[in-house]
């Protein structure tokens, strides 16, 4: 096996297995086991993540299940021996998922060893029990969180210890993350089991805030700015389903079977009735290759950020315009393009200002101001591409947009505009254009920036809709907003905690000491 990096070349001989940590290992492993599905018989299905595999079969009695499963195991044994690998009977378990009081007893063998039939099995960190009650997994979470709760208590006190903000962060990272993992599965558990997990959150928030045991449970969550656990589970589940719309459509295709088997999976119905129909989630296919800019023809000027440091707020509108004029008075006015995005009354738009042209457009919802800023830059580059070859300046008050364009790292989850901007930048460089992106502070009476801001506000309200593709992660804020609305409804109509409600009538994701 040869490895090449520039002019350096090295060789390595591998007789068994794959190099740990190598970027080629997952791909080579997939080629190695590409024909594993040919070992299955009948209606058996295989679900595999790396070297962890599950064979499943649905049937009404033991006679229907016994023969296909055993033949599949025999075929896998022969297949593995041919490849020089071997399955471990000791790590193999059999679980019959049924609501019957007396489940079917199957006698399966692997390498002439009997496979133990158990009532539960752990797969990818989640315990699956035969009755699908999730009691085993929830008890496992309780035991796993017990020591972490003790540690949280050991660093807290009434007059000493860590600040409540640090304690809440520690709870979210070390305990809440454990409670959330796999929630897409066990959200269908009965309330008598889920209440055990909610009590963990109440207990941790009492420790973090220093509240008494008599404090109402929901009041703790409102004070800490921590979403109730059930609402958080719904939010995470909807986010997963939205991601599956593009990354794993098989989950959505199997909805009918999932709803039939899991009668309490209400969040699946919420997705079908709310996310898919009302929001009209589009099919967004991210590009396979993202352009990474490393050309000297593209420059990023953030000098204004350092030039205005130390200027008091009451002098910004007086001093900053003169600093801007001094730095960029040499730039031809026809080569200046000011871009801005704005959101007003639930509508988002962008504006592009130049002394010879002005443009404003409205963007289809859901849309954030960050996406609107990128849309404005994308539109400005489109105008520049039709101009004579020269050095052009694009002024934007969105530091995050410029930093995203300047980043030399490949973008894992690129928005539509970020990708098209990089493609336009590549085309302009090939045509000998020179582009400079300049950051300017907002609302400081810089003439071009103020005009672009006014155009963006007009575009949000009256502009023509600008055609674009919507990525699935743009729907996440809507899910978050729906979660906060449900939480607010329960907080407003609850009979307990009314004294705190008179002080904090509106729920928030921020703790009371951060407001």
Protein backbone atom coordinates (compact mmCIF):
# COMPACT_ATOMS: atom_id res chain seq x y z
CA UNK A 1 0.00 0.00 0.00
CA UNK A 2 1.55 3.30 -1.12
CA UNK A 3 0.86 6.70 0.47
CA UNK A 4 1.76 9.89 -1.41
CA UNK A 5 1.85 13.47 -0.07
CA UNK A 6 3.35 15.90 -2.55
CA UNK A 7 6.86 14.65 -3.32
CA UNK A 8 6.93 12.29 -0.33
CA UNK A 9 6.02 8.64 -0.85
CA UNK A 10 5.96 5.84 1.68
CA UNK A 11 4.93 2.19 1.52
CA UNK A 12 3.31 -0.04 4.09
CA UNK A 13 2.49 -3.74 3.98
CA UNK A 14 -0.76 -4.79 5.66
CA UNK A 15 -1.48 -8.49 5.95
CA UNK A 16 -4.60 -8.36 8.14
CA UNK A 17 -7.02 -5.66 9.14
CA UNK A 18 -6.96 -1.96 8.34
CA UNK A 19 -4.87 0.91 9.76
CA UNK A 20 -6.64 2.49 12.72
CA UNK A 21 -7.53 6.12 12.09
CA UNK A 22 -6.94 5.94 8.36
CA UNK A 23 -9.42 7.91 6.24
CA UNK A 24 -9.54 5.00 3.78
CA UNK A 25 -10.41 2.38 6.39
CA UNK A 26 -14.23 2.89 6.32
CA UNK A 27 -14.28 2.83 2.52
CA UNK A 28 -12.08 -0.27 2.28
CA UNK A 29 -14.15 -2.01 4.95
CA UNK A 30 -17.32 -1.37 2.96
CA UNK A 31 -15.72 -2.99 -0.08
CA UNK A 32 -14.59 -5.88 2.10
CA UNK A 33 -18.12 -6.72 3.32
CA UNK A 34 -20.07 -5.53 0.26
CA UNK A 35 -21.63 -8.95 -0.37
CA UNK A 36 -22.71 -9.66 3.20
CA UNK A 37 -26.39 -9.20 2.29
CA UNK A 38 -26.17 -12.25 0.01
CA UNK A 39 -25.95 -14.42 3.12
CA UNK A 40 -29.48 -13.54 4.24
CA UNK A 41 -32.35 -15.90 3.57
CA UNK A 42 -36.06 -15.22 3.23
CA UNK A 43 -37.28 -11.93 4.69
CA UNK A 44 -34.27 -11.44 6.97
CA UNK A 45 -32.77 -7.95 7.04
CA UNK A 46 -29.34 -6.78 8.17
CA UNK A 47 -28.58 -3.48 9.89
CA UNK A 48 -24.90 -2.75 10.25
CA UNK A 49 -22.75 0.01 11.70
CA UNK A 50 -19.08 -0.85 11.26
CA UNK A 51 -18.59 -4.27 12.85
CA UNK A 52 -21.83 -4.18 14.88
CA UNK A 53 -24.60 -5.96 13.00
CA UNK A 54 -28.20 -6.93 13.72
CA UNK A 55 -30.22 -9.56 11.84
CA UNK A 56 -33.98 -9.16 12.18
CA UNK A 57 -37.02 -11.07 11.00
CA UNK A 58 -40.71 -10.51 11.60
CA UNK A 59 -43.04 -13.45 12.08
CA UNK A 60 -46.08 -14.70 13.98
CA UNK A 61 -44.61 -17.88 15.51
CA UNK A 62 -41.33 -19.66 16.21
CA UNK A 63 -41.63 -21.96 13.20
CA UNK A 64 -41.63 -18.96 10.84
CA UNK A 65 -38.53 -17.45 12.48
CA UNK A 66 -36.34 -20.47 13.25
CA UNK A 67 -35.31 -21.73 9.80
CA UNK A 68 -34.52 -18.43 7.96
CA UNK A 69 -32.51 -17.11 10.91
CA UNK A 70 -30.50 -20.30 11.34
CA UNK A 71 -29.76 -20.58 7.62
CA UNK A 72 -28.65 -16.94 7.55
CA UNK A 73 -26.30 -17.58 10.46
CA UNK A 74 -24.86 -20.64 8.71
CA UNK A 75 -24.30 -18.64 5.54
CA UNK A 76 -22.61 -15.86 7.49
CA UNK A 77 -20.31 -18.37 9.16
CA UNK A 78 -19.16 -19.73 5.80
CA UNK A 79 -18.83 -16.22 4.35
CA UNK A 80 -16.73 -15.03 7.30
CA UNK A 81 -14.46 -18.07 7.19
CA UNK A 82 -13.82 -17.44 3.50
CA UNK A 83 -12.70 -13.86 4.32
CA UNK A 84 -10.50 -14.95 7.21
CA UNK A 85 -12.68 -13.49 9.97
CA UNK A 86 -14.88 -15.05 12.63
CA UNK A 87 -17.96 -14.03 14.60
CA UNK A 88 -18.02 -14.29 18.39
CA UNK A 89 -20.83 -16.49 19.80
CA UNK A 90 -20.20 -15.05 23.28
CA UNK A 91 -21.02 -11.53 22.07
CA UNK A 92 -24.09 -12.63 20.12
CA UNK A 93 -27.53 -12.36 21.71
CA UNK A 94 -31.05 -13.28 20.71
CA UNK A 95 -34.04 -11.15 21.68
CA UNK A 96 -37.66 -11.86 20.70
CA UNK A 97 -39.64 -8.62 20.68
CA UNK A 98 -43.26 -9.36 21.53
CA UNK A 99 -46.04 -8.22 23.83
CA UNK A 100 -47.01 -11.82 24.61
CA UNK A 101 -46.57 -13.04 28.16
CA UNK A 102 -44.67 -16.10 27.00
CA UNK A 103 -42.39 -15.22 24.07
CA UNK A 104 -41.37 -17.79 21.47
CA UNK A 105 -38.30 -19.85 22.35
CA UNK A 106 -35.81 -20.14 19.50
CA UNK A 107 -32.80 -22.43 19.42
CA UNK A 108 -30.16 -20.86 17.22
CA UNK A 109 -26.50 -21.83 16.89
CA UNK A 110 -23.43 -19.92 15.76
CA UNK A 111 -20.21 -21.91 15.22
CA UNK A 112 -21.93 -24.89 16.92
CA UNK A 113 -22.48 -22.82 20.09
CA UNK A 114 -25.96 -22.03 21.37
CA UNK A 115 -26.97 -18.38 21.24
CA UNK A 116 -28.38 -17.16 24.53
CA UNK A 117 -31.92 -15.81 24.37
CA UNK A 118 -32.23 -12.81 26.68
CA UNK A 119 -34.90 -10.31 27.57
CA UNK A 120 -32.83 -7.27 26.56
CA UNK A 121 -29.78 -6.36 24.52
CA UNK A 122 -27.58 -3.28 24.22
CA UNK A 123 -26.93 -1.93 20.73
CA UNK A 124 -25.08 1.32 20.01
CA UNK A 125 -25.47 2.46 23.61
CA UNK A 126 -29.24 1.83 23.88
CA UNK A 127 -30.85 -1.07 25.72
CA UNK A 128 -33.70 -2.73 23.79
CA UNK A 129 -36.00 -4.89 25.93
CA UNK A 130 -38.29 -7.59 24.59
CA UNK A 131 -41.51 -5.81 25.69
CA UNK A 132 -40.41 -2.45 24.20
CA UNK A 133 -41.17 -0.69 27.49
CA UNK A 134 -37.66 0.86 27.65
CA UNK A 135 -37.55 0.22 31.41
CA UNK A 136 -34.14 -1.47 31.13
CA UNK A 137 -32.60 1.46 29.30
CA UNK A 138 -34.10 4.07 31.64
CA UNK A 139 -32.81 2.17 34.68
CA UNK A 140 -29.42 2.08 32.98
CA UNK A 141 -29.54 5.88 32.57
CA UNK A 142 -30.46 6.34 36.23
CA UNK A 143 -27.44 4.33 37.34
CA UNK A 144 -25.15 6.10 34.86
CA UNK A 145 -26.22 9.57 36.06
CA UNK A 146 -26.04 8.82 39.79
CA UNK A 147 -22.27 9.37 40.14
CA UNK A 148 -22.40 12.48 37.98
CA UNK A 149 -25.09 13.99 40.20
CA UNK A 150 -22.89 13.37 43.24
CA UNK A 151 -20.03 15.20 41.53
CA UNK A 152 -22.35 18.13 40.70
CA UNK A 153 -23.33 18.37 44.35
CA UNK A 154 -19.73 18.20 45.54
CA UNK A 155 -18.79 21.46 43.74
CA UNK A 156 -21.86 23.45 44.76
CA UNK A 157 -22.92 25.16 47.96
CA UNK A 158 -24.96 28.05 49.34
CA UNK A 159 -22.05 30.42 50.05
CA UNK A 160 -19.27 28.67 48.13
CA UNK A 161 -18.70 26.55 45.05
CA UNK A 162 -19.19 27.08 41.35
CA UNK A 163 -21.46 29.75 39.86
CA UNK A 164 -24.97 28.57 38.86
CA UNK A 165 -24.16 29.32 35.22
CA UNK A 166 -21.18 26.96 35.35
CA UNK A 167 -23.21 24.30 37.14
CA UNK A 168 -25.96 24.45 34.51
CA UNK A 169 -23.37 24.14 31.74
CA UNK A 170 -21.84 21.18 33.55
CA UNK A 171 -25.27 19.58 33.87
CA UNK A 172 -25.98 20.03 30.16
CA UNK A 173 -22.65 18.56 29.07
CA UNK A 174 -22.29 15.64 31.49
CA UNK A 175 -25.85 14.63 32.44
CA UNK A 176 -28.36 16.08 29.99
CA UNK A 177 -26.34 14.74 27.05
CA UNK A 178 -26.69 11.26 28.55
CA UNK A 179 -30.44 11.67 29.03
CA UNK A 180 -30.87 12.86 25.42
CA UNK A 181 -28.90 10.12 23.69
CA UNK A 182 -31.28 7.70 22.00
CA UNK A 183 -34.36 9.72 22.96
CA UNK A 184 -35.73 9.22 19.45
CA UNK A 185 -36.29 5.59 20.46
CA UNK A 186 -37.41 5.67 24.09
CA UNK A 187 -39.68 8.72 23.78
CA UNK A 188 -42.49 6.18 23.29
CA UNK A 189 -41.97 4.88 26.85
CA UNK A 190 -44.78 5.21 29.38
CA UNK A 191 -44.98 8.33 31.54
CA UNK A 192 -44.22 6.29 34.66
CA UNK A 193 -40.76 5.58 33.20
CA UNK A 194 -40.07 9.00 31.68
CA UNK A 195 -40.85 10.73 34.98
CA UNK A 196 -37.74 9.07 36.40
CA UNK A 197 -35.60 10.96 33.91
CA UNK A 198 -37.45 14.21 34.58
CA UNK A 199 -36.69 13.86 38.28
CA UNK A 200 -32.99 13.75 37.44
CA UNK A 201 -33.30 17.12 35.73
CA UNK A 202 -35.26 18.60 38.65
CA UNK A 203 -32.66 17.31 41.09
CA UNK A 204 -29.74 18.75 39.14
CA UNK A 205 -31.40 22.15 38.67
CA UNK A 206 -32.10 22.38 42.41
CA UNK A 207 -28.41 21.76 43.04
CA UNK A 208 -27.31 24.29 40.42
CA UNK A 209 -29.71 27.06 41.52
CA UNK A 210 -29.57 26.35 45.24
CA UNK A 211 -33.36 26.12 45.50
CA UNK A 212 -35.30 24.41 48.26
CA UNK A 213 -37.03 21.05 47.80
CA UNK A 214 -40.41 22.80 47.94
CA UNK A 215 -39.68 24.80 44.77
CA UNK A 216 -42.08 23.92 41.97
CA UNK A 217 -40.46 21.70 39.33
CA UNK A 218 -41.46 23.81 36.34
CA UNK A 219 -40.27 26.94 38.14
CA UNK A 220 -36.81 25.39 38.28
CA UNK A 221 -36.74 24.95 34.50
CA UNK A 222 -37.99 28.50 33.90
CA UNK A 223 -35.36 29.96 36.23
CA UNK A 224 -32.55 27.94 34.65
CA UNK A 225 -33.72 28.40 31.07
CA UNK A 226 -33.66 24.62 30.54
CA UNK A 227 -36.37 23.13 28.33
CA UNK A 228 -38.58 20.47 29.97
CA UNK A 229 -37.28 17.04 29.11
CA UNK A 230 -40.35 15.86 27.19
CA UNK A 231 -40.38 18.97 25.01
CA UNK A 232 -36.65 18.59 24.45
CA UNK A 233 -37.16 15.00 23.31
CA UNK A 234 -39.82 16.12 20.84
CA UNK A 235 -37.51 18.80 19.48
CA UNK A 236 -34.61 16.39 18.99
CA UNK A 237 -36.88 13.83 17.33
CA UNK A 238 -38.26 16.37 14.87
CA UNK A 239 -34.73 17.53 14.06
CA UNK A 240 -33.73 13.94 13.30
CA UNK A 241 -36.74 13.47 11.03
CA UNK A 242 -35.94 16.68 9.16
CA UNK A 243 -32.37 15.48 8.61
CA UNK A 244 -33.70 12.15 7.37
CA UNK A 245 -35.54 14.02 4.63
CA UNK A 246 -32.23 14.31 2.75
CA UNK A 247 -29.67 12.11 4.47
CA UNK A 248 -31.66 8.95 5.25
CA UNK A 249 -34.94 8.77 3.37
CA UNK A 250 -35.33 5.11 4.33
CA UNK A 251 -36.57 6.21 7.76
CA UNK A 252 -39.34 8.26 6.17
CA UNK A 253 -40.22 5.48 3.76
CA UNK A 254 -40.76 3.11 6.69
CA UNK A 255 -43.04 5.50 8.59
CA UNK A 256 -46.14 3.39 8.13
CA UNK A 257 -44.52 0.37 9.75
CA UNK A 258 -43.00 2.48 12.52
CA UNK A 259 -46.35 4.05 13.36
CA UNK A 260 -48.01 0.65 13.35
CA UNK A 261 -45.46 -0.87 15.73
CA UNK A 262 -45.03 2.17 18.00
CA UNK A 263 -48.51 3.45 18.77
CA UNK A 264 -47.16 6.08 21.16
CA UNK A 265 -44.77 7.64 18.65
CA UNK A 266 -46.76 10.85 18.46
CA UNK A 267 -43.81 12.90 17.26
CA UNK A 268 -43.80 10.91 14.02
CA UNK A 269 -47.37 11.99 13.35
CA UNK A 270 -46.43 15.57 14.21
CA UNK A 271 -43.73 15.42 11.55
CA UNK A 272 -46.09 14.02 8.93
CA UNK A 273 -48.89 16.47 9.70
CA UNK A 274 -46.86 19.60 10.48
CA UNK A 275 -43.32 19.55 9.11
CA UNK A 276 -43.91 17.74 5.82
CA UNK A 277 -47.22 19.28 4.76
CA UNK A 278 -47.40 22.78 6.24
CA UNK A 279 -43.74 23.68 5.80
CA UNK A 280 -43.34 21.91 2.44
CA UNK A 281 -39.83 20.67 3.17
CA UNK A 282 -37.98 20.74 -0.17
CA UNK A 283 -35.58 18.15 -1.41
CA UNK A 284 -32.23 19.85 -0.96
CA UNK A 285 -29.23 18.07 -2.47
CA UNK A 286 -25.98 19.61 -1.22
CA UNK A 287 -23.20 19.75 -3.81
CA UNK A 288 -20.57 17.08 -3.70
CA UNK A 289 -17.57 19.40 -3.99
CA UNK A 290 -17.14 22.67 -2.11
CA UNK A 291 -14.82 25.29 -3.53
CA UNK A 292 -12.11 26.35 -1.09
CA UNK A 293 -10.67 29.75 -1.99
CA UNK A 294 -6.90 30.24 -1.67
CA UNK A 295 -6.31 32.78 -4.44
CA UNK A 296 -4.59 36.12 -3.93
CA UNK A 297 -7.28 37.65 -6.17
CA UNK A 298 -9.76 37.34 -3.29
CA UNK A 299 -9.02 39.52 -0.25
CA UNK A 300 -10.74 39.95 3.11
CA UNK A 301 -10.37 43.30 4.85
CA UNK A 302 -11.33 43.35 8.54
CA UNK A 303 -9.23 46.39 9.43
CA UNK A 304 -12.30 48.43 10.41
CA UNK A 305 -12.80 46.07 13.32
CA UNK A 306 -9.49 47.16 14.84
CA UNK A 307 -9.74 50.80 13.77
CA UNK A 308 -12.96 51.45 15.74
CA UNK A 309 -11.89 49.72 18.97
CA UNK A 310 -12.14 52.00 21.98
CA UNK A 311 -14.59 54.46 20.42
CA UNK A 312 -17.42 55.20 22.90
CA UNK A 313 -20.94 54.38 21.77
CA UNK A 314 -22.06 58.02 21.76
CA UNK A 315 -19.22 58.95 19.38
CA UNK A 316 -19.50 56.04 16.94
CA UNK A 317 -21.86 57.76 14.49
CA UNK A 318 -19.56 60.78 14.42
CA UNK A 319 -16.15 59.14 14.19
CA UNK A 320 -16.71 55.96 12.18
CA UNK A 321 -17.95 57.59 8.90
CA UNK A 322 -14.79 59.70 8.76
CA UNK A 323 -12.60 56.64 9.42
CA UNK A 324 -14.39 54.79 6.64
CA UNK A 325 -13.98 57.67 4.18
CA UNK A 326 -10.28 57.94 4.98
CA UNK A 327 -9.67 54.23 4.40
CA UNK A 328 -11.70 53.74 1.23
CA UNK A 329 -11.92 57.11 -0.49
CA UNK A 330 -9.52 55.80 -3.14
CA UNK A 331 -12.05 53.19 -4.28
CA UNK A 332 -14.09 54.07 -7.36
CA UNK A 333 -17.72 54.60 -6.34
CA UNK A 334 -18.91 52.42 -9.22
CA UNK A 335 -16.85 49.54 -7.81
CA UNK A 336 -18.41 49.71 -4.33
CA UNK A 337 -21.25 47.32 -3.51
CA UNK A 338 -22.94 47.46 -0.11
CA UNK A 339 -24.94 44.40 0.98
CA UNK A 340 -27.24 43.82 3.91
CA UNK A 341 -29.96 41.46 5.16
CA UNK A 342 -32.90 42.23 7.42
CA UNK A 343 -35.83 40.51 9.10
CA UNK A 344 -39.07 42.36 9.89
CA UNK A 345 -42.36 40.91 11.18
CA UNK A 346 -41.41 37.35 10.30
CA UNK A 347 -40.22 38.20 6.77
CA UNK A 348 -36.61 38.26 5.56
CA UNK A 349 -35.07 40.20 2.69
CA UNK A 350 -31.80 41.60 1.40
CA UNK A 351 -30.61 44.73 -0.36
CA UNK A 352 -27.64 45.61 -2.59
CA UNK A 353 -26.65 49.24 -3.07
CA UNK A 354 -24.39 50.76 -5.73
CA UNK A 355 -24.35 54.33 -7.05
CA UNK A 356 -25.53 53.04 -10.42
CA UNK A 357 -27.99 50.35 -9.28
CA UNK A 358 -30.10 49.33 -6.31
CA UNK A 359 -31.72 45.95 -5.69
CA UNK A 360 -33.95 44.44 -3.02
CA UNK A 361 -35.48 40.99 -2.81
CA UNK A 362 -37.57 38.90 -0.43
CA UNK A 363 -36.48 35.40 0.66
CA UNK A 364 -38.71 32.40 1.10
CA UNK A 365 -39.23 31.30 4.69
CA UNK A 366 -37.79 29.82 6.77
CA UNK A 367 -34.79 32.08 6.50
CA UNK A 368 -32.31 33.65 8.91
CA UNK A 369 -30.53 37.00 8.66
CA UNK A 370 -27.26 35.12 8.10
CA UNK A 371 -28.70 33.45 4.98
CA UNK A 372 -30.05 36.82 3.83
CA UNK A 373 -26.57 38.35 4.17
CA UNK A 374 -25.12 35.55 2.04
CA UNK A 375 -27.92 36.02 -0.51
CA UNK A 376 -27.03 39.69 -0.81
CA UNK A 377 -23.34 38.89 -1.39
CA UNK A 378 -24.32 36.25 -3.94
CA UNK A 379 -26.51 38.76 -5.82
CA UNK A 380 -23.74 41.38 -5.76
CA UNK A 381 -21.26 38.91 -7.25
CA UNK A 382 -23.78 38.18 -9.99
CA UNK A 383 -23.92 41.89 -10.86
CA UNK A 384 -20.12 42.16 -10.82
CA UNK A 385 -19.78 39.21 -13.19
CA UNK A 386 -21.52 41.29 -15.88
CA UNK A 387 -19.20 44.28 -15.37
CA UNK A 388 -15.79 44.95 -16.97
CA UNK A 389 -12.79 43.23 -15.42
CA UNK A 390 -11.58 45.36 -12.51
CA UNK A 391 -11.05 45.44 -8.75
CA UNK A 392 -14.41 45.45 -6.91
CA UNK A 393 -15.21 45.92 -3.21
CA UNK A 394 -18.16 44.29 -1.41
CA UNK A 395 -18.98 45.92 1.94
CA UNK A 396 -20.98 43.89 4.48
CA UNK A 397 -21.76 44.33 8.16
CA UNK A 398 -22.08 40.54 8.64
CA UNK A 399 -18.81 39.38 10.15
CA UNK A 400 -20.01 35.76 10.27
CA UNK A 401 -20.64 35.74 6.51
CA UNK A 402 -17.20 37.08 5.69
CA UNK A 403 -15.56 34.65 8.11
CA UNK A 404 -17.45 31.77 6.50
CA UNK A 405 -16.20 32.81 3.06
CA UNK A 406 -12.66 33.29 4.32
CA UNK A 407 -12.51 29.91 6.01
CA UNK A 408 -10.05 27.61 4.29
CA UNK A 409 -11.65 24.47 5.71
CA UNK A 410 -14.13 22.40 3.68
CA UNK A 411 -17.71 23.20 4.63
CA UNK A 412 -19.53 20.16 6.00
CA UNK A 413 -23.04 21.63 6.02
CA UNK A 414 -22.88 24.45 3.49
CA UNK A 415 -25.92 26.53 2.76
CA UNK A 416 -27.00 27.02 -0.84
CA UNK A 417 -25.68 30.59 -1.06
CA UNK A 418 -22.34 29.81 0.54
CA UNK A 419 -21.71 27.19 -2.12
CA UNK A 420 -22.81 29.34 -5.07
CA UNK A 421 -20.73 32.27 -3.78
CA UNK A 422 -17.60 30.14 -3.81
CA UNK A 423 -18.40 28.93 -7.31
CA UNK A 424 -18.84 32.52 -8.50
CA UNK A 425 -15.58 33.52 -6.82
CA UNK A 426 -13.78 30.76 -8.70
CA UNK A 427 -15.25 31.90 -12.03
CA UNK A 428 -14.36 35.55 -11.38
CA UNK A 429 -10.78 34.65 -10.48
CA UNK A 430 -10.43 32.68 -13.69
CA UNK A 431 -11.60 35.79 -15.58
CA UNK A 432 -8.92 37.94 -13.83
CA UNK A 433 -11.37 39.81 -11.56
CA UNK A 434 -10.18 40.92 -8.14
CA UNK A 435 -12.67 40.97 -5.25
CA UNK A 436 -12.18 42.43 -1.77
CA UNK A 437 -14.69 41.71 0.99
CA UNK A 438 -14.76 44.46 3.61
CA UNK A 439 -16.44 44.36 7.00
CA UNK A 440 -18.08 47.59 8.16
CA UNK A 441 -19.94 48.27 11.43
CA UNK A 442 -23.71 48.54 11.19
CA UNK A 443 -25.86 51.56 12.07
CA UNK A 444 -22.93 53.99 12.14
CA UNK A 445 -24.16 56.38 9.40
CA UNK A 446 -21.93 54.90 6.69
CA UNK A 447 -23.92 56.08 3.68
CA UNK A 448 -23.76 52.94 1.53
CA UNK A 449 -24.44 50.61 4.44
CA UNK A 450 -27.44 52.62 5.58
CA UNK A 451 -28.88 52.56 2.05
CA UNK A 452 -28.40 48.78 1.83
CA UNK A 453 -30.11 48.38 5.21
CA UNK A 454 -33.10 50.42 4.02
CA UNK A 455 -33.31 48.35 0.84
CA UNK A 456 -33.20 45.12 2.84
CA UNK A 457 -36.13 46.24 4.99
CA UNK A 458 -38.13 47.18 1.91
CA UNK A 459 -37.25 43.83 0.35
CA UNK A 460 -38.47 41.93 3.41
CA UNK A 461 -41.87 43.59 3.16
CA UNK A 462 -42.45 44.33 -0.53
CA UNK A 463 -39.69 42.67 -2.52
CA UNK A 464 -40.02 40.06 -5.22
CA UNK A 465 -39.33 36.54 -3.95
CA UNK A 466 -35.77 35.48 -4.75
CA UNK A 467 -35.61 31.86 -5.91
CA UNK A 468 -33.31 29.62 -3.89
CA UNK A 469 -32.91 26.14 -2.45
CA UNK A 470 -33.65 25.63 1.24
CA UNK A 471 -31.40 23.35 3.27
CA UNK A 472 -32.91 21.16 5.97
CA UNK A 473 -31.04 22.85 8.83
CA UNK A 474 -32.95 26.09 8.13
CA UNK A 475 -36.07 24.40 9.53
CA UNK A 476 -34.47 23.85 12.94
CA UNK A 477 -35.34 27.34 14.27
CA UNK A 478 -39.02 26.62 13.50
CA UNK A 479 -38.83 23.44 15.54
CA UNK A 480 -37.20 25.38 18.37
CA UNK A 481 -39.89 28.04 18.16
CA UNK A 482 -42.62 25.40 18.32
CA UNK A 483 -40.97 23.88 21.40
CA UNK A 484 -40.89 27.23 23.18
CA UNK A 485 -44.53 27.87 22.30
CA UNK A 486 -45.63 24.53 23.78
CA UNK A 487 -43.54 25.18 26.88
CA UNK A 488 -45.06 28.69 27.20
CA UNK A 489 -48.59 27.29 26.89
CA UNK A 490 -48.05 24.85 29.74
CA UNK A 491 -46.34 27.50 31.90
CA UNK A 492 -49.19 29.96 31.34
CA UNK A 493 -51.99 27.50 32.22
CA UNK A 494 -50.32 25.68 35.10
CA UNK A 495 -51.88 26.05 38.53
CA UNK A 496 -48.57 25.92 40.46
CA UNK A 497 -45.65 28.32 40.42
CA UNK A 498 -47.91 31.37 40.05
CA UNK A 499 -45.70 33.59 42.23
CA UNK A 500 -42.77 33.13 39.86
CA UNK A 501 -45.14 33.47 36.90
CA UNK A 502 -46.07 36.96 38.12
CA UNK A 503 -42.36 37.86 37.88
CA UNK A 504 -41.29 35.76 34.86
CA UNK A 505 -44.41 35.29 32.69
CA UNK A 506 -42.45 34.36 29.56
CA UNK A 507 -40.22 31.29 29.24
CA UNK A 508 -36.80 31.60 27.68
CA UNK A 509 -33.77 29.48 26.83
CA UNK A 510 -31.66 31.83 28.96
CA UNK A 511 -31.32 31.62 32.73
CA UNK A 512 -32.74 34.39 34.89
CA UNK A 513 -29.29 35.77 35.72
CA UNK A 514 -28.46 36.13 32.00
CA UNK A 515 -31.51 38.23 31.11
